[in-house]
Amino acid sequence: MPPKSKDGEPRALAVALKYSPGDSAPTVVAKGRGLIAEEIISRAREHGIFVHESPELVALLSQVNLDGQIPPQLYIAVAELLAWIYQVEREGAPAERLIPENLG
């Protein structure tokens, strides 16, 4: 269940990952909730970075320390998401309008 704000509304939670070919695993480069999460999401969108909304995955990734690599238990989920993003980018489709079938 997502964290709640004082007024009972779900609070935003965001985690930013970085992965480059040759890295052993994606790394958590930013995370936060509330206003910080909103800023992470806003900046990502401003720079054309894909934002995937999966509360369950974000909750798990938010437990990883900043600059820490994701745990092996999340490799498959994150790898499938990265592969899907790569495919969408190659096809030139706007990723924010599509939901990956196996992740959405």
N, C-alpha and C. Protein backbone atom coordinates (compact mmCIF):
# COMPACT_ATOMS: atom_id res chain seq x y z
N MET A 1 0.84 -1.18 0.00
CA MET A 1 0.00 0.00 0.00
C MET A 1 0.89 1.24 0.00
N PRO A 2 0.63 2.20 -0.92
CA PRO A 2 1.49 3.38 -0.97
C PRO A 2 1.36 4.22 0.28
N PRO A 3 2.44 4.93 0.66
CA PRO A 3 2.38 5.80 1.82
C PRO A 3 1.30 6.87 1.63
N LYS A 4 0.69 7.32 2.72
CA LYS A 4 -0.37 8.33 2.65
C LYS A 4 0.13 9.65 3.20
N SER A 5 -0.37 10.73 2.62
CA SER A 5 -0.07 12.06 3.14
C SER A 5 -1.02 12.35 4.29
N LYS A 6 -0.86 13.51 4.93
CA LYS A 6 -1.71 13.87 6.06
C LYS A 6 -3.18 13.94 5.68
N ASP A 7 -3.49 14.30 4.43
CA ASP A 7 -4.89 14.40 4.02
C ASP A 7 -5.44 13.07 3.49
N GLY A 8 -4.67 12.00 3.62
CA GLY A 8 -5.14 10.67 3.24
C GLY A 8 -4.90 10.30 1.79
N GLU A 9 -4.35 11.23 1.01
CA GLU A 9 -4.06 10.94 -0.39
C GLU A 9 -2.75 10.16 -0.51
N PRO A 10 -2.64 9.27 -1.51
CA PRO A 10 -1.37 8.56 -1.70
C PRO A 10 -0.24 9.54 -1.97
N ARG A 11 0.88 9.31 -1.32
CA ARG A 11 2.06 10.15 -1.55
C ARG A 11 2.85 9.58 -2.70
N ALA A 12 3.38 10.46 -3.50
CA ALA A 12 4.22 10.02 -4.61
C ALA A 12 5.52 9.44 -4.06
N LEU A 13 5.98 8.40 -4.68
CA LEU A 13 7.25 7.76 -4.35
C LEU A 13 7.94 7.53 -5.68
N ALA A 14 9.21 7.91 -5.77
CA ALA A 14 9.92 7.76 -7.04
C ALA A 14 11.33 7.26 -6.79
N VAL A 15 11.82 6.48 -7.75
CA VAL A 15 13.18 5.97 -7.73
C VAL A 15 13.73 6.11 -9.15
N ALA A 16 14.92 6.67 -9.27
CA ALA A 16 15.57 6.80 -10.57
C ALA A 16 16.72 5.81 -10.64
N LEU A 17 16.80 5.10 -11.76
CA LEU A 17 17.86 4.12 -11.98
C LEU A 17 18.77 4.58 -13.10
N LYS A 18 20.03 4.17 -13.01
CA LYS A 18 20.99 4.42 -14.08
C LYS A 18 21.58 3.07 -14.47
N TYR A 19 21.66 2.84 -15.76
CA TYR A 19 22.30 1.61 -16.25
C TYR A 19 23.01 1.92 -17.55
N SER A 20 24.22 1.49 -17.64
CA SER A 20 25.01 1.62 -18.87
C SER A 20 25.53 0.24 -19.23
N PRO A 21 25.64 -0.05 -20.53
CA PRO A 21 26.22 -1.33 -20.93
C PRO A 21 27.58 -1.51 -20.26
N GLY A 22 27.79 -2.68 -19.74
CA GLY A 22 29.03 -2.97 -19.02
C GLY A 22 28.87 -2.90 -17.52
N ASP A 23 27.83 -2.18 -17.04
CA ASP A 23 27.56 -2.16 -15.60
C ASP A 23 27.08 -3.55 -15.18
N SER A 24 27.43 -3.95 -13.97
CA SER A 24 26.98 -5.27 -13.51
C SER A 24 25.50 -5.27 -13.15
N ALA A 25 24.95 -4.11 -12.78
CA ALA A 25 23.52 -4.00 -12.45
C ALA A 25 23.13 -2.53 -12.45
N PRO A 26 21.84 -2.24 -12.65
CA PRO A 26 21.39 -0.85 -12.53
C PRO A 26 21.64 -0.32 -11.12
N THR A 27 21.85 1.00 -11.02
CA THR A 27 22.14 1.66 -9.77
C THR A 27 21.04 2.67 -9.45
N VAL A 28 20.68 2.79 -8.18
CA VAL A 28 19.71 3.79 -7.74
C VAL A 28 20.46 5.12 -7.62
N VAL A 29 20.05 6.10 -8.43
CA VAL A 29 20.74 7.40 -8.43
C VAL A 29 19.92 8.51 -7.78
N ALA A 30 18.64 8.28 -7.56
CA ALA A 30 17.79 9.25 -6.86
C ALA A 30 16.57 8.52 -6.34
N LYS A 31 16.07 8.98 -5.20
CA LYS A 31 14.83 8.42 -4.67
C LYS A 31 14.24 9.41 -3.68
N GLY A 32 12.94 9.34 -3.54
CA GLY A 32 12.28 10.23 -2.60
C GLY A 32 10.78 10.08 -2.65
N ARG A 33 10.12 10.76 -1.73
CA ARG A 33 8.66 10.73 -1.70
C ARG A 33 8.14 12.15 -1.61
N GLY A 34 6.86 12.32 -1.87
CA GLY A 34 6.25 13.63 -1.79
C GLY A 34 6.83 14.59 -2.82
N LEU A 35 7.20 15.79 -2.35
CA LEU A 35 7.71 16.81 -3.27
C LEU A 35 8.99 16.38 -3.98
N ILE A 36 9.84 15.64 -3.29
CA ILE A 36 11.08 15.16 -3.92
C ILE A 36 10.75 14.18 -5.04
N ALA A 37 9.80 13.28 -4.80
CA ALA A 37 9.39 12.34 -5.84
C ALA A 37 8.80 13.08 -7.04
N GLU A 38 7.97 14.07 -6.77
CA GLU A 38 7.38 14.84 -7.86
C GLU A 38 8.47 15.54 -8.68
N GLU A 39 9.51 16.04 -8.01
CA GLU A 39 10.61 16.71 -8.72
C GLU A 39 11.41 15.70 -9.55
N ILE A 40 11.66 14.51 -9.02
CA ILE A 40 12.37 13.47 -9.77
C ILE A 40 11.59 13.14 -11.05
N ILE A 41 10.29 12.96 -10.91
CA ILE A 41 9.44 12.61 -12.06
C ILE A 41 9.40 13.76 -13.06
N SER A 42 9.24 14.98 -12.56
CA SER A 42 9.18 16.15 -13.43
C SER A 42 10.47 16.32 -14.23
N ARG A 43 11.61 16.20 -13.56
CA ARG A 43 12.90 16.36 -14.25
C ARG A 43 13.12 15.26 -15.27
N ALA A 44 12.73 14.05 -14.93
CA ALA A 44 12.88 12.95 -15.89
C ALA A 44 12.07 13.24 -17.15
N ARG A 45 10.83 13.65 -16.97
CA ARG A 45 9.99 13.94 -18.14
C ARG A 45 10.53 15.11 -18.94
N GLU A 46 11.03 16.14 -18.26
CA GLU A 46 11.62 17.30 -18.96
C GLU A 46 12.77 16.88 -19.86
N HIS A 47 13.51 15.85 -19.47
CA HIS A 47 14.67 15.40 -20.23
C HIS A 47 14.36 14.21 -21.14
N GLY A 48 13.08 13.90 -21.28
CA GLY A 48 12.68 12.82 -22.18
C GLY A 48 13.01 11.43 -21.67
N ILE A 49 13.18 11.31 -20.36
CA ILE A 49 13.47 10.01 -19.75
C ILE A 49 12.16 9.31 -19.43
N PHE A 50 12.07 8.06 -19.81
CA PHE A 50 10.86 7.29 -19.59
C PHE A 50 10.55 7.16 -18.11
N VAL A 51 9.28 7.35 -17.75
CA VAL A 51 8.81 7.18 -16.38
C VAL A 51 7.82 6.03 -16.38
N HIS A 52 8.16 4.97 -15.68
CA HIS A 52 7.29 3.80 -15.57
C HIS A 52 6.63 3.82 -14.20
N GLU A 53 5.33 3.67 -14.16
CA GLU A 53 4.61 3.71 -12.90
C GLU A 53 4.24 2.29 -12.48
N SER A 54 4.96 1.78 -11.51
CA SER A 54 4.69 0.47 -10.93
C SER A 54 4.91 0.60 -9.43
N PRO A 55 3.85 0.84 -8.67
CA PRO A 55 4.00 1.04 -7.22
C PRO A 55 4.75 -0.09 -6.52
N GLU A 56 4.51 -1.31 -6.95
CA GLU A 56 5.17 -2.45 -6.30
C GLU A 56 6.68 -2.42 -6.55
N LEU A 57 7.08 -2.18 -7.80
CA LEU A 57 8.50 -2.14 -8.15
C LEU A 57 9.18 -0.95 -7.48
N VAL A 58 8.53 0.20 -7.48
CA VAL A 58 9.10 1.39 -6.84
C VAL A 58 9.27 1.15 -5.34
N ALA A 59 8.30 0.51 -4.71
CA ALA A 59 8.41 0.24 -3.27
C ALA A 59 9.62 -0.64 -2.98
N LEU A 60 9.87 -1.63 -3.81
CA LEU A 60 11.03 -2.50 -3.62
C LEU A 60 12.33 -1.75 -3.90
N LEU A 61 12.35 -0.98 -4.98
CA LEU A 61 13.57 -0.25 -5.33
C LEU A 61 13.89 0.85 -4.33
N SER A 62 12.88 1.39 -3.66
CA SER A 62 13.12 2.46 -2.70
C SER A 62 13.87 1.97 -1.46
N GLN A 63 13.94 0.67 -1.29
CA GLN A 63 14.68 0.10 -0.16
C GLN A 63 16.18 0.00 -0.43
N VAL A 64 16.58 0.23 -1.69
CA VAL A 64 17.99 0.17 -2.07
C VAL A 64 18.63 1.51 -1.72
N ASN A 65 19.83 1.48 -1.15
CA ASN A 65 20.56 2.70 -0.81
C ASN A 65 20.92 3.48 -2.06
N LEU A 66 21.01 4.82 -1.92
CA LEU A 66 21.48 5.64 -3.03
C LEU A 66 22.85 5.16 -3.46
N ASP A 67 23.09 5.15 -4.75
CA ASP A 67 24.32 4.67 -5.37
C ASP A 67 24.52 3.17 -5.18
N GLY A 68 23.48 2.49 -4.70
CA GLY A 68 23.55 1.04 -4.55
C GLY A 68 22.97 0.35 -5.77
N GLN A 69 23.51 -0.82 -6.08
CA GLN A 69 22.99 -1.61 -7.18
C GLN A 69 21.72 -2.33 -6.74
N ILE A 70 20.82 -2.53 -7.72
CA ILE A 70 19.59 -3.23 -7.39
C ILE A 70 19.93 -4.67 -6.99
N PRO A 71 19.11 -5.29 -6.13
CA PRO A 71 19.40 -6.66 -5.70
C PRO A 71 19.08 -7.67 -6.81
N PRO A 72 19.77 -8.80 -6.78
CA PRO A 72 19.54 -9.83 -7.81
C PRO A 72 18.08 -10.25 -7.96
N GLN A 73 17.30 -10.18 -6.89
CA GLN A 73 15.89 -10.56 -6.96
C GLN A 73 15.09 -9.67 -7.91
N LEU A 74 15.60 -8.47 -8.21
CA LEU A 74 14.89 -7.55 -9.09
C LEU A 74 15.47 -7.50 -10.50
N TYR A 75 16.52 -8.26 -10.76
CA TYR A 75 17.17 -8.23 -12.07
C TYR A 75 16.19 -8.50 -13.20
N ILE A 76 15.39 -9.53 -13.09
CA ILE A 76 14.50 -9.92 -14.19
C ILE A 76 13.47 -8.83 -14.46
N ALA A 77 12.82 -8.32 -13.41
CA ALA A 77 11.80 -7.28 -13.60
C ALA A 77 12.40 -6.04 -14.25
N VAL A 78 13.54 -5.60 -13.76
CA VAL A 78 14.17 -4.39 -14.31
C VAL A 78 14.72 -4.66 -15.70
N ALA A 79 15.29 -5.84 -15.94
CA ALA A 79 15.81 -6.18 -17.27
C ALA A 79 14.69 -6.19 -18.31
N GLU A 80 13.53 -6.73 -17.95
CA GLU A 80 12.40 -6.73 -18.88
C GLU A 80 11.95 -5.31 -19.19
N LEU A 81 11.93 -4.46 -18.19
CA LEU A 81 11.55 -3.07 -18.40
C LEU A 81 12.57 -2.36 -19.28
N LEU A 82 13.86 -2.55 -19.01
CA LEU A 82 14.90 -1.91 -19.83
C LEU A 82 14.85 -2.41 -21.28
N ALA A 83 14.62 -3.70 -21.47
CA ALA A 83 14.52 -4.26 -22.82
C ALA A 83 13.33 -3.66 -23.57
N TRP A 84 12.22 -3.51 -22.87
CA TRP A 84 11.04 -2.93 -23.49
C TRP A 84 11.30 -1.48 -23.88
N ILE A 85 11.92 -0.69 -22.99
CA ILE A 85 12.23 0.71 -23.28
C ILE A 85 13.16 0.80 -24.50
N TYR A 86 14.17 -0.07 -24.54
CA TYR A 86 15.10 -0.07 -25.67
C TYR A 86 14.36 -0.34 -26.98
N GLN A 87 13.44 -1.29 -26.96
CA GLN A 87 12.66 -1.63 -28.15
C GLN A 87 11.80 -0.44 -28.58
N VAL A 88 11.14 0.20 -27.63
CA VAL A 88 10.29 1.35 -27.94
C VAL A 88 11.13 2.47 -28.54
N GLU A 89 12.30 2.74 -27.96
CA GLU A 89 13.17 3.79 -28.47
C GLU A 89 13.66 3.48 -29.89
N ARG A 90 13.97 2.23 -30.16
CA ARG A 90 14.42 1.84 -31.51
C ARG A 90 13.33 2.04 -32.53
N GLU A 91 12.07 1.80 -32.12
CA GLU A 91 10.95 1.94 -33.04
C GLU A 91 10.50 3.39 -33.17
N GLY A 92 11.01 4.26 -32.31
CA GLY A 92 10.67 5.66 -32.37
C GLY A 92 9.30 6.01 -31.83
N ALA A 93 8.66 5.09 -31.11
CA ALA A 93 7.34 5.36 -30.54
C ALA A 93 7.49 6.12 -29.23
N PRO A 94 6.54 7.00 -28.91
CA PRO A 94 6.61 7.71 -27.63
C PRO A 94 6.31 6.75 -26.48
N ALA A 95 7.31 6.43 -25.68
CA ALA A 95 7.20 5.42 -24.63
C ALA A 95 6.12 5.75 -23.62
N GLU A 96 5.91 7.02 -23.31
CA GLU A 96 4.95 7.36 -22.26
C GLU A 96 3.52 7.03 -22.65
N ARG A 97 3.28 6.74 -23.92
CA ARG A 97 1.93 6.39 -24.35
C ARG A 97 1.69 4.89 -24.40
N LEU A 98 2.73 4.13 -24.15
CA LEU A 98 2.63 2.68 -24.23
C LEU A 98 2.84 2.04 -22.88
N ILE A 99 2.20 0.92 -22.66
CA ILE A 99 2.39 0.16 -21.43
C ILE A 99 2.90 -1.22 -21.82
N PRO A 100 4.03 -1.64 -21.29
CA PRO A 100 4.51 -2.97 -21.65
C PRO A 100 3.55 -4.02 -21.14
N GLU A 101 3.19 -4.95 -22.00
CA GLU A 101 2.18 -5.96 -21.65
C GLU A 101 2.55 -6.77 -20.43
N ASN A 102 3.81 -7.15 -20.29
CA ASN A 102 4.18 -8.02 -19.18
C ASN A 102 4.50 -7.23 -17.91
N LEU A 103 4.49 -5.89 -17.97
CA LEU A 103 4.82 -5.09 -16.80
C LEU A 103 3.68 -4.18 -16.38
N GLY A 104 2.69 -3.97 -17.21
CA GLY A 104 1.64 -3.01 -16.92
C GLY A 104 0.55 -3.57 -16.17
